[in-house]
């Protein structure tokens, strides 16, 4: 029996995750990480998405995506399918790379977005891979803090959500992610 299509929305904001099949690595070499990020960029542009933040881990990914039309499923199918084919070709493998479909949680409030952005930033710290989130090379956290990053990363859009309550949105983002980490016993 076919799966029901997921609900998608005009101007939807989503925390998207995808995990390797059997929780195995989906990135082996630096070229894999770079290839996936390049695909995220292309799919973001093709689908007119806004990618607000991301974090790639060895066996899963986190993306914070804002869509303008209900096309998340189409874009994720293209992203995951293209990457899986490329990975299998480069590593002489066959079969599934990802464990089922991606997961997408719709973000419905600024508070939920703040927590999600902080959660994504803190992932490599929680996993014990780095001591500070900005040191993880496969996350947008450092790029958000120091205004670098690929052109498809919409840092300004992310910071708009942190500007709604006044004050410097970058400071608010940095302070909130640090407070989140402190609550979890981490340091960013």
N, C-alpha and C. Protein backbone atom coordinates (compact mmCIF):
# COMPACT_ATOMS: atom_id res chain seq x y z
N UNK A 1 0.84 -1.18 0.00
CA UNK A 1 0.00 0.00 0.00
C UNK A 1 0.89 1.24 0.00
N UNK A 2 0.63 2.19 -0.89
CA UNK A 2 1.48 3.39 -0.95
C UNK A 2 1.30 4.25 0.29
N UNK A 3 2.36 4.98 0.60
CA UNK A 3 2.32 5.90 1.74
C UNK A 3 1.49 7.12 1.41
N UNK A 4 0.86 7.66 2.44
CA UNK A 4 0.12 8.91 2.26
C UNK A 4 1.12 10.04 2.05
N UNK A 5 0.81 10.95 1.13
CA UNK A 5 1.70 12.10 0.98
C UNK A 5 1.72 12.93 2.26
N UNK A 6 2.84 13.54 2.53
CA UNK A 6 2.94 14.39 3.71
C UNK A 6 2.24 15.72 3.47
N UNK A 7 1.77 16.29 4.54
CA UNK A 7 1.16 17.62 4.44
C UNK A 7 2.28 18.64 4.21
N UNK A 8 2.10 19.46 3.20
CA UNK A 8 3.06 20.53 2.91
C UNK A 8 2.28 21.83 2.81
N UNK A 9 2.96 22.92 3.09
CA UNK A 9 2.29 24.20 3.22
C UNK A 9 3.00 25.27 2.39
N UNK A 10 2.22 26.25 1.98
CA UNK A 10 2.82 27.47 1.43
C UNK A 10 3.62 28.09 2.57
N UNK A 11 4.77 28.56 2.28
CA UNK A 11 5.61 29.23 3.28
C UNK A 11 5.78 28.39 4.54
N UNK A 12 6.07 27.12 4.37
CA UNK A 12 6.30 26.24 5.51
C UNK A 12 7.73 26.34 6.01
N UNK A 13 7.89 26.16 7.30
CA UNK A 13 9.21 26.16 7.93
C UNK A 13 9.38 24.80 8.60
N UNK A 14 10.47 24.08 8.27
CA UNK A 14 10.61 22.69 8.68
C UNK A 14 12.00 22.39 9.23
N UNK A 15 12.03 21.57 10.28
CA UNK A 15 13.27 20.93 10.73
C UNK A 15 13.29 19.57 10.05
N UNK A 16 14.23 19.41 9.13
CA UNK A 16 14.32 18.20 8.33
C UNK A 16 15.52 17.38 8.81
N UNK A 17 15.31 16.10 8.99
CA UNK A 17 16.41 15.20 9.35
C UNK A 17 16.35 13.97 8.46
N UNK A 18 17.51 13.41 8.21
CA UNK A 18 17.61 12.15 7.46
C UNK A 18 18.78 11.38 8.06
N UNK A 19 18.59 10.07 8.21
CA UNK A 19 19.61 9.26 8.87
C UNK A 19 20.04 8.13 7.96
N UNK A 20 21.30 7.73 8.09
CA UNK A 20 21.84 6.62 7.33
C UNK A 20 21.15 5.31 7.66
N UNK A 21 21.02 4.47 6.67
CA UNK A 21 20.42 3.16 6.85
C UNK A 21 21.19 2.39 7.93
N UNK A 22 20.47 1.78 8.84
CA UNK A 22 21.09 1.06 9.97
C UNK A 22 22.00 1.98 10.78
N UNK A 23 21.74 3.28 10.73
CA UNK A 23 22.53 4.30 11.43
C UNK A 23 24.00 4.30 11.00
N UNK A 24 24.24 3.85 9.79
CA UNK A 24 25.61 3.82 9.27
C UNK A 24 25.98 5.18 8.69
N UNK A 25 27.27 5.37 8.48
CA UNK A 25 27.78 6.64 7.96
C UNK A 25 27.25 6.93 6.57
N UNK A 26 26.89 8.17 6.36
CA UNK A 26 26.51 8.63 5.03
C UNK A 26 27.58 9.55 4.45
N UNK A 27 28.59 9.83 5.25
CA UNK A 27 29.75 10.60 4.82
C UNK A 27 31.00 9.85 5.27
N UNK A 28 31.90 9.56 4.33
CA UNK A 28 33.11 8.82 4.65
C UNK A 28 34.34 9.71 4.48
N UNK A 29 34.40 10.41 3.37
CA UNK A 29 35.54 11.28 3.05
C UNK A 29 35.06 12.74 3.02
N UNK A 30 35.99 13.67 3.14
CA UNK A 30 35.64 15.09 3.06
C UNK A 30 34.87 15.41 1.79
N UNK A 31 35.21 14.73 0.71
CA UNK A 31 34.50 14.99 -0.55
C UNK A 31 33.03 14.64 -0.44
N UNK A 32 32.67 13.66 0.38
CA UNK A 32 31.25 13.31 0.57
C UNK A 32 30.51 14.46 1.25
N UNK A 33 31.11 15.00 2.31
CA UNK A 33 30.48 16.11 3.04
C UNK A 33 30.29 17.30 2.09
N UNK A 34 31.35 17.60 1.33
CA UNK A 34 31.28 18.75 0.41
C UNK A 34 30.25 18.51 -0.69
N UNK A 35 30.19 17.29 -1.20
CA UNK A 35 29.23 16.95 -2.25
C UNK A 35 27.80 17.14 -1.74
N UNK A 36 27.54 16.69 -0.53
CA UNK A 36 26.19 16.83 0.03
C UNK A 36 25.84 18.31 0.20
N UNK A 37 26.76 19.09 0.74
CA UNK A 37 26.48 20.53 0.91
C UNK A 37 26.26 21.21 -0.43
N UNK A 38 27.01 20.84 -1.44
CA UNK A 38 26.80 21.41 -2.78
C UNK A 38 25.40 21.06 -3.28
N UNK A 39 24.95 19.83 -3.03
CA UNK A 39 23.60 19.44 -3.43
C UNK A 39 22.54 20.20 -2.63
N UNK A 40 22.77 20.39 -1.35
CA UNK A 40 21.83 21.19 -0.55
C UNK A 40 21.70 22.58 -1.19
N UNK A 41 22.82 23.16 -1.57
CA UNK A 41 22.79 24.47 -2.22
C UNK A 41 22.01 24.46 -3.51
N UNK A 42 22.27 23.47 -4.36
CA UNK A 42 21.56 23.40 -5.64
C UNK A 42 20.06 23.19 -5.44
N UNK A 43 19.70 22.27 -4.56
CA UNK A 43 18.28 21.99 -4.32
C UNK A 43 17.60 23.20 -3.69
N UNK A 44 18.29 23.89 -2.81
CA UNK A 44 17.75 25.11 -2.20
C UNK A 44 17.43 26.14 -3.27
N UNK A 45 18.36 26.33 -4.19
CA UNK A 45 18.16 27.31 -5.27
C UNK A 45 17.07 26.85 -6.23
N UNK A 46 17.13 25.59 -6.68
CA UNK A 46 16.13 25.06 -7.63
C UNK A 46 14.71 25.19 -7.09
N UNK A 47 14.55 24.94 -5.81
CA UNK A 47 13.21 24.91 -5.23
C UNK A 47 12.80 26.23 -4.58
N UNK A 48 13.68 27.23 -4.66
CA UNK A 48 13.42 28.54 -4.08
C UNK A 48 13.17 28.44 -2.58
N UNK A 49 13.93 27.55 -1.94
CA UNK A 49 13.88 27.41 -0.49
C UNK A 49 14.77 28.46 0.15
N UNK A 50 14.62 28.57 1.44
CA UNK A 50 15.58 29.29 2.27
C UNK A 50 16.15 28.26 3.24
N UNK A 51 17.45 28.07 3.19
CA UNK A 51 18.11 27.19 4.16
C UNK A 51 18.64 28.10 5.26
N UNK A 52 18.04 28.00 6.45
CA UNK A 52 18.38 28.91 7.54
C UNK A 52 19.57 28.42 8.35
N UNK A 53 19.71 27.12 8.49
CA UNK A 53 20.85 26.54 9.19
C UNK A 53 20.93 25.06 8.86
N UNK A 54 22.10 24.47 9.08
CA UNK A 54 22.27 23.04 8.82
C UNK A 54 23.37 22.50 9.71
N UNK A 55 23.36 21.19 9.86
CA UNK A 55 24.46 20.49 10.52
C UNK A 55 24.50 19.07 9.95
N UNK A 56 25.64 18.71 9.42
CA UNK A 56 25.85 17.35 8.92
C UNK A 56 26.65 16.57 9.95
N UNK A 57 26.16 15.41 10.30
CA UNK A 57 26.86 14.50 11.21
C UNK A 57 27.23 13.26 10.38
N UNK A 58 28.08 12.41 10.90
CA UNK A 58 28.55 11.28 10.09
C UNK A 58 27.42 10.39 9.60
N UNK A 59 26.37 10.22 10.40
CA UNK A 59 25.30 9.31 9.97
C UNK A 59 23.92 9.96 9.86
N UNK A 60 23.85 11.27 9.99
CA UNK A 60 22.57 11.95 9.80
C UNK A 60 22.79 13.43 9.51
N UNK A 61 21.72 14.07 9.08
CA UNK A 61 21.77 15.50 8.75
C UNK A 61 20.59 16.22 9.40
N UNK A 62 20.80 17.50 9.65
CA UNK A 62 19.74 18.40 10.12
C UNK A 62 19.72 19.61 9.19
N UNK A 63 18.55 19.96 8.72
CA UNK A 63 18.37 21.16 7.90
C UNK A 63 17.19 21.94 8.46
N UNK A 64 17.30 23.25 8.48
CA UNK A 64 16.17 24.10 8.82
C UNK A 64 15.80 24.83 7.54
N UNK A 65 14.69 24.42 6.94
CA UNK A 65 14.30 24.85 5.60
C UNK A 65 12.99 25.61 5.65
N UNK A 66 12.95 26.73 4.95
CA UNK A 66 11.71 27.47 4.75
C UNK A 66 11.34 27.36 3.28
N UNK A 67 10.13 26.86 3.01
CA UNK A 67 9.67 26.72 1.64
C UNK A 67 8.74 27.88 1.30
N UNK A 68 8.65 28.18 0.03
CA UNK A 68 7.73 29.23 -0.43
C UNK A 68 6.52 28.62 -1.11
N UNK A 69 6.69 27.40 -1.60
CA UNK A 69 5.61 26.63 -2.19
C UNK A 69 5.66 25.24 -1.56
N UNK A 70 4.60 24.46 -1.65
CA UNK A 70 4.60 23.14 -1.03
C UNK A 70 5.43 22.13 -1.84
N UNK A 71 6.77 22.27 -1.76
CA UNK A 71 7.64 21.42 -2.57
C UNK A 71 8.75 20.74 -1.75
N UNK A 72 8.56 20.62 -0.45
CA UNK A 72 9.60 20.00 0.38
C UNK A 72 9.85 18.56 -0.03
N UNK A 73 8.80 17.79 -0.24
CA UNK A 73 8.95 16.39 -0.62
C UNK A 73 9.70 16.22 -1.93
N UNK A 74 9.34 17.02 -2.92
CA UNK A 74 10.02 16.95 -4.21
C UNK A 74 11.50 17.27 -4.06
N UNK A 75 11.80 18.34 -3.34
CA UNK A 75 13.19 18.75 -3.17
C UNK A 75 14.01 17.74 -2.38
N UNK A 76 13.42 17.19 -1.31
CA UNK A 76 14.15 16.21 -0.50
C UNK A 76 14.36 14.92 -1.28
N UNK A 77 13.40 14.54 -2.09
CA UNK A 77 13.57 13.35 -2.92
C UNK A 77 14.76 13.56 -3.88
N UNK A 78 14.83 14.73 -4.45
CA UNK A 78 15.94 15.04 -5.36
C UNK A 78 17.27 15.06 -4.60
N UNK A 79 17.30 15.71 -3.44
CA UNK A 79 18.53 15.80 -2.64
C UNK A 79 19.01 14.43 -2.20
N UNK A 80 18.14 13.68 -1.53
CA UNK A 80 18.55 12.39 -0.98
C UNK A 80 18.84 11.38 -2.10
N UNK A 81 18.01 11.35 -3.12
CA UNK A 81 18.21 10.40 -4.22
C UNK A 81 19.50 10.66 -4.98
N UNK A 82 19.75 11.92 -5.31
CA UNK A 82 20.96 12.27 -6.05
C UNK A 82 22.20 11.97 -5.21
N UNK A 83 22.15 12.33 -3.93
CA UNK A 83 23.31 12.06 -3.08
C UNK A 83 23.54 10.56 -2.92
N UNK A 84 22.49 9.79 -2.70
CA UNK A 84 22.64 8.34 -2.52
C UNK A 84 23.26 7.70 -3.76
N UNK A 85 22.81 8.10 -4.94
CA UNK A 85 23.38 7.55 -6.17
C UNK A 85 24.85 7.92 -6.29
N UNK A 86 25.18 9.16 -5.99
CA UNK A 86 26.56 9.61 -6.06
C UNK A 86 27.43 8.88 -5.05
N UNK A 87 26.96 8.76 -3.81
CA UNK A 87 27.70 8.07 -2.76
C UNK A 87 27.95 6.62 -3.16
N UNK A 88 26.90 5.94 -3.59
CA UNK A 88 27.05 4.53 -3.97
C UNK A 88 28.02 4.37 -5.12
N UNK A 89 27.97 5.27 -6.08
CA UNK A 89 28.89 5.21 -7.22
C UNK A 89 30.33 5.43 -6.78
N UNK A 90 30.56 6.43 -5.95
CA UNK A 90 31.92 6.75 -5.51
C UNK A 90 32.50 5.71 -4.56
N UNK A 91 31.64 4.99 -3.85
CA UNK A 91 32.12 4.02 -2.86
C UNK A 91 31.83 2.58 -3.27
N UNK A 92 31.46 2.39 -4.55
CA UNK A 92 31.21 1.05 -5.10
C UNK A 92 30.24 0.27 -4.22
N UNK A 93 29.12 0.91 -3.90
CA UNK A 93 28.09 0.27 -3.08
C UNK A 93 26.78 0.24 -3.85
N UNK A 94 25.86 -0.57 -3.36
CA UNK A 94 24.51 -0.63 -3.91
C UNK A 94 23.52 -0.59 -2.74
N UNK A 95 22.29 -0.29 -3.05
CA UNK A 95 21.24 -0.34 -2.03
C UNK A 95 20.98 0.99 -1.36
N UNK A 96 20.17 0.91 -0.33
CA UNK A 96 19.73 2.11 0.39
C UNK A 96 20.88 2.74 1.16
N UNK A 97 20.98 4.04 1.07
CA UNK A 97 21.92 4.79 1.89
C UNK A 97 21.20 5.38 3.11
N UNK A 98 19.96 5.81 2.90
CA UNK A 98 19.19 6.45 3.97
C UNK A 98 18.16 5.49 4.55
N UNK A 99 17.90 5.66 5.82
CA UNK A 99 16.91 4.85 6.53
C UNK A 99 15.54 5.44 6.25
N UNK A 100 14.84 4.87 5.32
CA UNK A 100 13.50 5.35 4.99
C UNK A 100 13.50 6.77 4.46
N UNK A 101 12.35 7.39 4.59
CA UNK A 101 12.21 8.77 4.14
C UNK A 101 12.80 9.71 5.18
N UNK A 102 12.98 10.93 4.77
CA UNK A 102 13.42 11.96 5.70
C UNK A 102 12.29 12.24 6.70
N UNK A 103 12.64 12.86 7.82
CA UNK A 103 11.65 13.32 8.79
C UNK A 103 11.56 14.83 8.68
N UNK A 104 10.37 15.35 8.81
CA UNK A 104 10.19 16.80 8.77
C UNK A 104 9.19 17.21 9.85
N UNK A 105 9.62 18.10 10.70
CA UNK A 105 8.75 18.66 11.73
C UNK A 105 8.47 20.10 11.37
N UNK A 106 7.20 20.44 11.27
CA UNK A 106 6.84 21.81 10.93
C UNK A 106 7.09 22.71 12.15
N UNK A 107 7.75 23.82 11.90
CA UNK A 107 8.02 24.82 12.94
C UNK A 107 6.83 25.77 12.96
N UNK A 108 6.20 25.90 14.13
CA UNK A 108 4.96 26.66 14.21
C UNK A 108 5.04 27.90 15.09
N UNK A 109 6.21 28.17 15.67
CA UNK A 109 6.35 29.37 16.50
C UNK A 109 7.80 29.81 16.50
N UNK A 110 8.01 31.07 16.86
CA UNK A 110 9.38 31.57 16.98
C UNK A 110 10.13 30.80 18.06
N UNK A 111 9.46 30.51 19.16
CA UNK A 111 10.12 29.77 20.25
C UNK A 111 10.59 28.40 19.77
N UNK A 112 9.76 27.73 18.99
CA UNK A 112 10.15 26.42 18.45
C UNK A 112 11.34 26.57 17.50
N UNK A 113 11.34 27.63 16.70
CA UNK A 113 12.47 27.87 15.80
C UNK A 113 13.74 28.12 16.59
N UNK A 114 13.69 28.92 17.63
CA UNK A 114 14.87 29.22 18.44
C UNK A 114 15.47 27.94 19.00
N UNK A 115 14.62 27.10 19.59
CA UNK A 115 15.10 25.85 20.19
C UNK A 115 15.66 24.92 19.11
N UNK A 116 15.00 24.86 17.97
CA UNK A 116 15.47 24.00 16.88
C UNK A 116 16.82 24.47 16.37
N UNK A 117 16.98 25.77 16.16
CA UNK A 117 18.27 26.30 15.68
C UNK A 117 19.38 25.99 16.69
N UNK A 118 19.09 26.15 17.97
CA UNK A 118 20.09 25.86 19.01
C UNK A 118 20.40 24.36 19.06
N UNK A 119 19.38 23.54 18.92
CA UNK A 119 19.57 22.08 18.91
C UNK A 119 20.46 21.67 17.74
N UNK A 120 20.19 22.22 16.56
CA UNK A 120 20.99 21.89 15.38
C UNK A 120 22.44 22.32 15.60
N UNK A 121 22.65 23.52 16.12
CA UNK A 121 24.02 24.01 16.36
C UNK A 121 24.77 23.15 17.36
N UNK A 122 24.07 22.64 18.37
CA UNK A 122 24.75 21.91 19.45
C UNK A 122 24.97 20.43 19.15
N UNK A 123 24.46 19.93 18.04
CA UNK A 123 24.56 18.50 17.74
C UNK A 123 25.98 17.93 17.82
N UNK A 124 26.98 18.54 17.18
CA UNK A 124 28.33 17.96 17.26
C UNK A 124 28.95 18.06 18.65
N UNK A 125 28.53 19.04 19.44
CA UNK A 125 29.03 19.15 20.81
C UNK A 125 28.42 18.04 21.66
N UNK A 126 27.10 17.83 21.52
CA UNK A 126 26.43 16.75 22.26
C UNK A 126 27.03 15.40 21.92
N UNK A 127 27.44 15.23 20.67
CA UNK A 127 28.02 13.95 20.25
C UNK A 127 29.47 13.79 20.69
N UNK A 128 30.05 14.84 21.27
CA UNK A 128 31.43 14.78 21.74
C UNK A 128 32.47 14.90 20.64
N UNK A 129 32.06 15.45 19.49
CA UNK A 129 32.98 15.57 18.35
C UNK A 129 33.84 16.83 18.43
N UNK A 130 33.31 17.87 19.04
CA UNK A 130 34.03 19.12 19.24
C UNK A 130 33.63 19.69 20.60
N UNK A 131 34.45 20.59 21.10
CA UNK A 131 34.12 21.22 22.39
C UNK A 131 33.21 22.43 22.21
N UNK A 132 33.35 23.10 21.07
CA UNK A 132 32.51 24.26 20.77
C UNK A 132 31.88 24.06 19.39
N UNK A 133 30.63 24.45 19.26
CA UNK A 133 29.88 24.21 18.02
C UNK A 133 30.52 24.86 16.80
N UNK A 134 31.09 26.04 16.98
CA UNK A 134 31.68 26.76 15.84
C UNK A 134 32.89 26.02 15.26
N UNK A 135 33.43 25.06 15.98
CA UNK A 135 34.59 24.30 15.49
C UNK A 135 34.20 23.18 14.53
N UNK A 136 32.91 22.84 14.47
CA UNK A 136 32.49 21.74 13.59
C UNK A 136 32.41 22.27 12.16
N UNK A 137 33.21 21.72 11.24
CA UNK A 137 33.28 22.28 9.89
C UNK A 137 32.04 22.01 9.03
N UNK A 138 31.18 21.10 9.46
CA UNK A 138 30.04 20.70 8.63
C UNK A 138 28.72 21.25 9.17
N UNK A 139 28.82 22.39 9.83
CA UNK A 139 27.65 23.07 10.39
C UNK A 139 27.68 24.52 9.95
N UNK A 140 26.53 25.13 9.91
CA UNK A 140 26.46 26.55 9.55
C UNK A 140 26.65 27.47 10.75
N UNK A 141 26.82 26.92 11.93
CA UNK A 141 26.86 27.76 13.14
C UNK A 141 27.96 28.83 13.06
N UNK A 142 29.18 28.44 12.71
CA UNK A 142 30.27 29.42 12.62
C UNK A 142 29.98 30.46 11.54
N UNK A 143 29.40 30.02 10.43
CA UNK A 143 29.08 30.94 9.33
C UNK A 143 28.03 31.97 9.76
N UNK A 144 27.10 31.55 10.59
CA UNK A 144 26.09 32.48 11.09
C UNK A 144 26.73 33.51 12.01
N UNK A 145 27.64 33.05 12.86
CA UNK A 145 28.28 33.96 13.81
C UNK A 145 29.22 34.96 13.14
N UNK A 146 29.94 34.51 12.09
CA UNK A 146 30.94 35.42 11.51
C UNK A 146 30.63 35.86 10.09
N UNK A 147 29.38 35.73 9.67
CA UNK A 147 28.91 36.24 8.38
C UNK A 147 29.63 35.64 7.19
N UNK A 148 30.00 34.38 7.29
CA UNK A 148 30.57 33.67 6.15
C UNK A 148 29.57 32.61 5.72
N UNK A 149 29.99 31.76 4.84
CA UNK A 149 29.11 30.67 4.44
C UNK A 149 28.72 30.76 2.99
N UNK A 150 28.11 29.70 2.50
CA UNK A 150 27.72 29.67 1.09
C UNK A 150 26.59 30.66 0.82
N UNK A 151 26.47 31.11 -0.42
CA UNK A 151 25.46 32.11 -0.74
C UNK A 151 24.02 31.62 -0.55
N UNK A 152 23.80 30.32 -0.58
CA UNK A 152 22.45 29.79 -0.40
C UNK A 152 22.04 29.69 1.07
N UNK A 153 22.96 29.89 1.99
CA UNK A 153 22.62 29.89 3.42
C UNK A 153 22.01 31.25 3.75
N UNK A 154 20.75 31.25 4.18
CA UNK A 154 20.04 32.51 4.42
C UNK A 154 20.16 32.91 5.89
N UNK A 155 21.36 33.32 6.25
CA UNK A 155 21.68 33.75 7.60
C UNK A 155 20.77 34.90 8.04
N UNK A 156 20.55 35.83 7.12
CA UNK A 156 19.72 37.00 7.46
C UNK A 156 18.30 36.60 7.80
N UNK A 157 17.76 35.62 7.08
CA UNK A 157 16.39 35.17 7.38
C UNK A 157 16.34 34.53 8.76
N UNK A 158 17.33 33.71 9.10
CA UNK A 158 17.37 33.13 10.44
C UNK A 158 17.38 34.22 11.50
N UNK A 159 18.24 35.21 11.29
CA UNK A 159 18.38 36.28 12.29
C UNK A 159 17.13 37.15 12.40
N UNK A 160 16.32 37.21 11.32
CA UNK A 160 15.05 37.94 11.41
C UNK A 160 14.17 37.36 12.51
N UNK A 161 14.20 36.06 12.67
CA UNK A 161 13.39 35.42 13.71
C UNK A 161 13.90 35.78 15.11
N UNK A 162 15.18 36.07 15.22
CA UNK A 162 15.75 36.46 16.51
C UNK A 162 15.66 37.96 16.74
N UNK A 163 15.19 38.71 15.74
CA UNK A 163 15.08 40.17 15.86
C UNK A 163 13.71 40.61 16.34
N UNK A 164 12.75 39.71 16.31
CA UNK A 164 11.36 40.08 16.61
C UNK A 164 11.17 40.67 18.00
N UNK A 165 12.03 40.33 18.94
CA UNK A 165 11.86 40.83 20.31
C UNK A 165 12.79 41.99 20.62
N UNK A 166 13.45 42.53 19.61
CA UNK A 166 14.33 43.68 19.80
C UNK A 166 15.75 43.28 20.13
N UNK A 167 16.63 44.27 20.10
CA UNK A 167 18.04 43.99 20.37
C UNK A 167 18.76 43.48 19.13
N UNK A 168 20.03 43.20 19.29
CA UNK A 168 20.86 42.71 18.20
C UNK A 168 20.53 41.23 17.95
N UNK A 169 20.00 40.90 16.77
CA UNK A 169 19.58 39.51 16.53
C UNK A 169 20.75 38.51 16.55
N UNK A 170 21.92 38.92 16.09
CA UNK A 170 23.07 38.01 16.12
C UNK A 170 23.46 37.70 17.57
N UNK A 171 23.47 38.72 18.39
CA UNK A 171 23.79 38.51 19.82
C UNK A 171 22.72 37.63 20.46
N UNK A 172 21.47 37.87 20.11
CA UNK A 172 20.37 37.07 20.66
C UNK A 172 20.52 35.61 20.24
N UNK A 173 20.86 35.37 18.96
CA UNK A 173 21.09 33.99 18.49
C UNK A 173 22.25 33.35 19.26
N UNK A 174 23.37 34.07 19.35
CA UNK A 174 24.55 33.53 20.04
C UNK A 174 24.24 33.27 21.52
N UNK A 175 23.57 34.21 22.16
CA UNK A 175 23.23 34.05 23.58
C UNK A 175 22.27 32.89 23.79
N UNK A 176 21.28 32.77 22.91
CA UNK A 176 20.29 31.71 23.09
C UNK A 176 20.92 30.33 22.86
N UNK A 177 21.74 30.20 21.82
CA UNK A 177 22.37 28.90 21.58
C UNK A 177 23.31 28.54 22.72
N UNK A 178 23.98 29.54 23.28
CA UNK A 178 24.86 29.27 24.43
C UNK A 178 24.04 28.87 25.66
N UNK A 179 22.94 29.56 25.90
CA UNK A 179 22.07 29.22 27.04
C UNK A 179 21.50 27.81 26.87
N UNK A 180 21.11 27.48 25.65
CA UNK A 180 20.60 26.13 25.37
C UNK A 180 21.66 25.09 25.70
N UNK A 181 22.88 25.35 25.25
CA UNK A 181 23.98 24.42 25.51
C UNK A 181 24.24 24.29 27.01
N UNK A 182 24.20 25.40 27.72
CA UNK A 182 24.42 25.37 29.17
C UNK A 182 23.35 24.54 29.88
N UNK A 183 22.11 24.65 29.41
CA UNK A 183 21.04 23.83 29.99
C UNK A 183 21.31 22.34 29.79
N UNK A 184 21.94 22.02 28.67
CA UNK A 184 22.24 20.63 28.35
C UNK A 184 23.60 20.21 28.89
N UNK A 185 24.28 21.13 29.58
CA UNK A 185 25.60 20.80 30.13
C UNK A 185 26.71 20.82 29.10
N UNK A 186 26.51 21.59 28.02
CA UNK A 186 27.48 21.68 26.94
C UNK A 186 28.05 23.09 26.92
N UNK A 187 29.04 23.29 26.06
CA UNK A 187 29.51 24.66 25.82
C UNK A 187 29.56 24.89 24.33
N UNK A 188 29.11 26.04 23.91
CA UNK A 188 29.17 26.40 22.49
C UNK A 188 30.25 27.44 22.32
